[in-house]
Amino acid sequence: MTTIKAGEPTDFRFTVTGPDGRPVTDYQVQHDKKLHFIVVSRDLATFQHVHPDMAADGVWSVKLTLDQPGAYRAFADFAPTGGSGLTLGTDLLVAGDYKPQPPRQVARTAEVDGYTVSLAGDLVPGQAGKLTLSVSKDGKPVTDLQPYLGAYGHLVALRAGDLAYLHVHPDGEPGDGKTAAGPEITFYAEVPSGGDYGLFLDFQHQGKVRTAAFTAQAGAGQPKPTAEPSDGPAHGDHTH
C-alpha cells in the first residue's frame, strides 16, 4: 500500500518485474503507448488515465495528483515484447478525512464540459455486449472527433466493489475507411457477472481530452460464466 498526500503533485514511480525477477524494459506499443496507467478511487467517483515515462532501467514515473483522501486502485495495462497483454494492479492510499461519495446513479447520459454523451446497449454477464456512445454538444451531434490513443474513444470498465478491470474491445479505428469521426463510438465489453459497473469514456475534441463517466448495470437474470473471477483486477489484454 502506497500512501500519498491529498492535493499534492507526487512523482509516482514503479517498476514491472518479469518472471526472471528483473525490471521489464521492452514493451509493445499498444494504442500509441507502451503502458497505460489508470487510477480510480474505490468509490468510482474519480478517474485518471495517464501515461508515465520509462527510464532505461525500467523505472516508470508520472506526476500524479489525487485531490481527495481515500483508497484508490492503480492499474498498469501493458504487453511485454513477445508476450500477451497484462493488467497489474496496486493499492494507493491518500491520508485524511475520507468522505465516500454516494454511488453514481445508473443513467443513459453523462454531461462533461458542455458535452452530452449518451449510452446505448446493455451489459450482459458472460457475453460480449455492444455499447454505443454518442457525443453531442449544444444539442448537435459531434462529427469531428479527433483520434485519441489510436481510436475515436477509449473506454475503461470497472466492476463496482472489487474494481475488476474488464475487457473492452473497440469497433474500427480512424483511417480504416469505415469508422466515422463521431458522433457514435462503439465498443464490445464482456462482463463476468451481474451488478453495477463504472464506465469511463475518454474522447478528444477541439484538442482536449474529456472523460464521460457512467454507472451501468449488467442485466439481471442473464447467464453467468462457469467460473467467477477472483477479487482484484482481471488479468488479460485491454484494448480501446
Protein backbone atom coordinates (compact mmCIF):
# COMPACT_ATOMS: atom_id res chain seq x y z
CA MET A 1 0.00 0.00 0.00
CA THR A 2 1.46 3.34 -1.08
CA THR A 3 0.43 6.48 0.83
CA ILE A 4 0.48 9.93 -0.77
CA LYS A 5 -0.73 13.35 0.34
CA ALA A 6 -4.04 14.79 -0.84
CA GLY A 7 -3.83 17.57 -3.40
CA GLU A 8 -0.04 17.49 -3.71
CA PRO A 9 1.61 16.52 -7.02
CA THR A 10 3.58 13.35 -6.37
CA ASP A 11 6.37 11.93 -8.51
CA PHE A 12 4.97 8.40 -8.53
CA ARG A 13 7.45 5.69 -9.55
CA PHE A 14 7.06 1.97 -10.14
CA THR A 15 8.57 -0.98 -11.99
CA VAL A 16 7.10 -4.03 -13.67
CA THR A 17 9.07 -7.12 -12.65
CA GLY A 18 9.32 -10.05 -15.05
CA PRO A 19 9.41 -13.79 -14.29
CA ASP A 20 13.21 -13.58 -14.02
CA GLY A 21 12.91 -11.07 -11.17
CA ARG A 22 14.29 -8.22 -13.24
CA PRO A 23 12.52 -4.99 -14.30
CA VAL A 24 10.84 -5.28 -17.69
CA THR A 25 12.30 -2.77 -20.16
CA ASP A 26 10.92 -3.96 -23.52
CA TYR A 27 7.25 -3.33 -24.26
CA GLN A 28 5.00 -3.50 -27.27
CA VAL A 29 3.35 -0.24 -28.32
CA GLN A 30 -0.41 -0.61 -27.90
CA HIS A 31 -2.69 2.25 -28.87
CA ASP A 32 0.21 4.67 -29.22
CA LYS A 33 1.73 3.90 -25.80
CA LYS A 34 3.94 1.25 -24.21
CA LEU A 35 1.96 1.39 -20.97
CA HIS A 36 -1.39 2.81 -19.91
CA PHE A 37 -1.79 3.78 -16.25
CA ILE A 38 -5.28 4.05 -14.77
CA VAL A 39 -6.02 5.38 -11.27
CA VAL A 40 -9.54 5.19 -9.86
CA SER A 41 -10.96 5.77 -6.39
CA ARG A 42 -12.56 2.79 -4.67
CA ASP A 43 -15.95 4.53 -4.76
CA LEU A 44 -15.56 5.11 -8.55
CA ALA A 45 -16.02 8.85 -8.03
CA THR A 46 -12.68 9.87 -9.57
CA PHE A 47 -10.78 8.50 -12.55
CA GLN A 48 -7.47 9.32 -14.23
CA HIS A 49 -5.80 7.85 -17.30
CA VAL A 50 -2.17 8.99 -17.50
CA HIS A 51 0.93 7.90 -19.39
CA PRO A 52 4.17 7.50 -17.41
CA ASP A 53 7.65 7.81 -18.87
CA MET A 54 10.09 4.93 -18.58
CA ALA A 55 13.81 5.29 -17.83
CA ALA A 56 16.39 2.95 -19.33
CA ASP A 57 16.44 0.85 -16.14
CA GLY A 58 12.71 0.09 -16.40
CA VAL A 59 11.52 2.57 -13.76
CA TRP A 60 8.29 4.29 -14.77
CA SER A 61 7.46 7.75 -13.40
CA VAL A 62 4.44 10.02 -13.63
CA LYS A 63 3.31 13.20 -11.88
CA LEU A 64 0.18 12.14 -10.02
CA THR A 65 -2.22 14.35 -8.06
CA LEU A 66 -5.07 12.84 -6.04
CA ASP A 67 -7.23 15.55 -4.55
CA GLN A 68 -9.45 13.61 -2.14
CA PRO A 69 -8.48 11.36 0.79
CA GLY A 70 -9.41 7.72 0.48
CA ALA A 71 -8.46 4.41 -1.10
CA TYR A 72 -7.52 4.15 -4.77
CA ARG A 73 -6.61 1.37 -7.16
CA ALA A 74 -3.93 1.83 -9.84
CA PHE A 75 -3.71 -0.37 -12.93
CA ALA A 76 -0.78 -0.82 -15.30
CA ASP A 77 -2.01 -2.03 -18.69
CA PHE A 78 0.77 -3.27 -21.00
CA ALA A 79 2.18 -6.07 -23.15
CA PRO A 80 5.84 -7.03 -22.78
CA THR A 81 7.68 -7.63 -26.04
CA GLY A 82 6.98 -11.17 -27.15
CA GLY A 83 4.23 -11.65 -24.57
CA SER A 84 0.48 -11.19 -24.25
CA GLY A 85 -1.33 -8.23 -22.74
CA LEU A 86 -1.49 -7.96 -18.96
CA THR A 87 -3.16 -5.76 -16.37
CA LEU A 88 -1.49 -5.48 -12.97
CA GLY A 89 -2.89 -3.53 -10.02
CA THR A 90 -1.76 -1.95 -6.78
CA ASP A 91 -3.49 -0.05 -3.98
CA LEU A 92 -2.88 3.61 -3.17
CA LEU A 93 -3.99 5.43 -0.03
CA VAL A 94 -4.48 9.17 0.35
CA ALA A 95 -4.45 10.08 4.04
CA GLY A 96 -7.05 12.41 5.51
CA ASP A 97 -10.71 12.68 6.39
CA TYR A 98 -12.30 10.33 3.90
CA LYS A 99 -15.87 11.10 2.90
CA PRO A 100 -17.10 8.48 0.44
CA GLN A 101 -19.19 9.77 -2.44
CA PRO A 102 -22.61 8.24 -3.00
CA PRO A 103 -22.69 5.78 -5.90
CA ARG A 104 -23.28 7.36 -9.30
CA GLN A 105 -26.83 6.56 -10.38
CA VAL A 106 -27.39 4.19 -13.28
CA ALA A 107 -28.08 6.50 -16.23
CA ARG A 108 -28.01 6.58 -20.03
CA THR A 109 -26.50 10.06 -20.33
CA ALA A 110 -23.49 11.88 -18.89
CA GLU A 111 -22.55 15.56 -19.02
CA VAL A 112 -18.97 16.86 -19.20
CA ASP A 113 -17.76 20.37 -20.15
CA GLY A 114 -20.91 21.16 -22.13
CA TYR A 115 -20.90 17.82 -23.96
CA THR A 116 -23.63 15.21 -23.60
CA VAL A 117 -22.69 11.56 -24.05
CA SER A 118 -25.50 9.03 -24.49
CA LEU A 119 -25.13 5.30 -23.90
CA ALA A 120 -26.99 2.67 -25.92
CA GLY A 121 -26.69 -1.07 -25.44
CA ASP A 122 -26.59 -3.37 -22.44
CA LEU A 123 -24.03 -5.26 -20.39
CA VAL A 124 -24.78 -8.99 -20.47
CA PRO A 125 -22.96 -11.26 -17.99
CA GLY A 126 -20.81 -13.83 -19.75
CA GLN A 127 -21.30 -12.36 -23.22
CA ALA A 128 -19.73 -9.62 -25.32
CA GLY A 129 -22.19 -6.75 -25.18
CA LYS A 130 -22.27 -3.94 -27.75
CA LEU A 131 -22.09 -0.45 -26.26
CA THR A 132 -22.55 2.61 -28.45
CA LEU A 133 -21.72 6.02 -27.02
CA SER A 134 -22.90 9.12 -28.89
CA VAL A 135 -21.30 12.53 -28.34
CA SER A 136 -23.17 15.80 -28.82
CA LYS A 137 -22.62 19.44 -27.89
CA ASP A 138 -25.31 22.11 -27.61
CA GLY A 139 -27.82 19.60 -28.92
CA LYS A 140 -25.85 18.89 -32.11
CA PRO A 141 -24.00 15.65 -32.92
CA VAL A 142 -20.21 15.92 -32.84
CA THR A 143 -18.92 14.54 -36.15
CA ASP A 144 -15.29 15.68 -35.95
CA LEU A 145 -13.90 13.76 -33.01
CA GLN A 146 -10.11 13.56 -33.01
CA PRO A 147 -8.18 10.28 -32.64
CA TYR A 148 -7.07 9.55 -29.10
CA LEU A 149 -4.72 6.62 -28.47
CA GLY A 150 -5.39 5.24 -31.92
CA ALA A 151 -9.20 5.44 -31.72
CA TYR A 152 -12.01 7.97 -31.52
CA GLY A 153 -12.56 6.98 -27.92
CA HIS A 154 -11.07 4.94 -25.11
CA LEU A 155 -13.30 3.03 -22.70
CA VAL A 156 -12.40 1.57 -19.31
CA ALA A 157 -14.88 -0.67 -17.48
CA LEU A 158 -14.54 -1.48 -13.77
CA ARG A 159 -16.77 -3.65 -11.63
CA ALA A 160 -18.15 -1.88 -8.56
CA GLY A 161 -16.92 -3.35 -5.30
CA ASP A 162 -13.73 -5.19 -6.26
CA LEU A 163 -12.80 -2.95 -9.23
CA ALA A 164 -12.14 -5.88 -11.55
CA TYR A 165 -10.63 -4.41 -14.73
CA LEU A 166 -12.60 -5.73 -17.68
CA HIS A 167 -12.11 -6.48 -21.34
CA VAL A 168 -13.25 -3.68 -23.66
CA HIS A 169 -12.83 -4.02 -27.41
CA PRO A 170 -13.22 -1.24 -30.00
CA ASP A 171 -15.12 -1.42 -33.26
CA GLY A 172 -13.00 0.06 -36.04
CA GLU A 173 -10.26 2.66 -35.98
CA PRO A 174 -9.52 6.05 -37.58
CA GLY A 175 -8.41 5.80 -41.18
CA ASP A 176 -9.87 2.36 -41.86
CA GLY A 177 -12.30 3.81 -44.40
CA LYS A 178 -15.43 2.85 -42.48
CA THR A 179 -15.17 4.29 -38.97
CA ALA A 180 -16.76 7.74 -38.72
CA ALA A 181 -15.34 10.51 -36.52
CA GLY A 182 -18.49 10.59 -34.41
CA PRO A 183 -20.99 11.08 -33.11
CA GLU A 184 -21.09 7.34 -32.35
CA ILE A 185 -18.24 5.33 -30.81
CA THR A 186 -18.82 1.59 -30.46
CA PHE A 187 -17.18 -0.88 -28.09
CA TYR A 188 -17.67 -4.50 -27.11
CA ALA A 189 -17.48 -5.21 -23.37
CA GLU A 190 -17.62 -8.63 -21.74
CA VAL A 191 -18.59 -8.59 -18.06
CA PRO A 192 -18.27 -11.66 -15.81
CA SER A 193 -21.27 -11.17 -13.53
CA GLY A 194 -24.36 -9.13 -12.80
CA GLY A 195 -24.20 -5.89 -10.85
CA ASP A 196 -23.02 -2.33 -11.32
CA TYR A 197 -20.04 -1.29 -13.44
CA GLY A 198 -18.27 2.02 -13.82
CA LEU A 199 -17.74 3.04 -17.46
CA PHE A 200 -15.27 5.82 -18.27
CA LEU A 201 -15.08 7.16 -21.83
CA ASP A 202 -12.14 9.33 -22.86
CA PHE A 203 -12.71 11.25 -26.09
CA GLN A 204 -10.88 14.12 -27.78
CA HIS A 205 -12.47 17.14 -29.44
CA GLN A 206 -11.00 20.50 -30.34
CA GLY A 207 -7.64 19.46 -28.92
CA LYS A 208 -8.81 18.48 -25.45
CA VAL A 209 -9.46 15.08 -23.90
CA ARG A 210 -12.56 14.79 -21.74
CA THR A 211 -13.94 11.91 -19.68
CA ALA A 212 -17.61 10.95 -19.50
CA ALA A 213 -18.48 8.68 -16.56
CA PHE A 214 -21.41 6.29 -16.31
CA THR A 215 -22.70 3.61 -13.99
CA ALA A 216 -24.21 0.75 -15.97
CA GLN A 217 -25.95 -2.34 -14.64
CA ALA A 218 -25.47 -5.81 -16.07
CA GLY A 219 -28.86 -7.35 -16.75
CA ALA A 220 -30.46 -9.41 -14.04
CA GLY A 221 -31.26 -13.00 -14.86
CA GLN A 222 -28.69 -13.20 -17.66
CA PRO A 223 -26.35 -16.21 -17.94
CA LYS A 224 -23.18 -16.15 -15.87
CA PRO A 225 -19.79 -17.65 -16.72
CA THR A 226 -18.82 -21.06 -15.40
CA ALA A 227 -16.18 -19.55 -13.09
CA GLU A 228 -16.22 -16.26 -11.23
CA PRO A 229 -13.00 -14.17 -11.28
CA SER A 230 -11.05 -13.69 -8.09
CA ASP A 231 -11.10 -10.38 -6.26
CA GLY A 232 -8.91 -7.68 -7.73
CA PRO A 233 -8.12 -6.71 -11.30
CA ALA A 234 -8.96 -9.05 -14.11
CA HIS A 235 -5.83 -10.09 -15.94
CA GLY A 236 -5.80 -10.02 -19.71
CA ASP A 237 -5.47 -7.75 -22.70
CA HIS A 238 -7.34 -4.48 -22.72
CA THR A 239 -7.85 -2.69 -26.00
CA HIS A 240 -9.58 0.58 -26.57
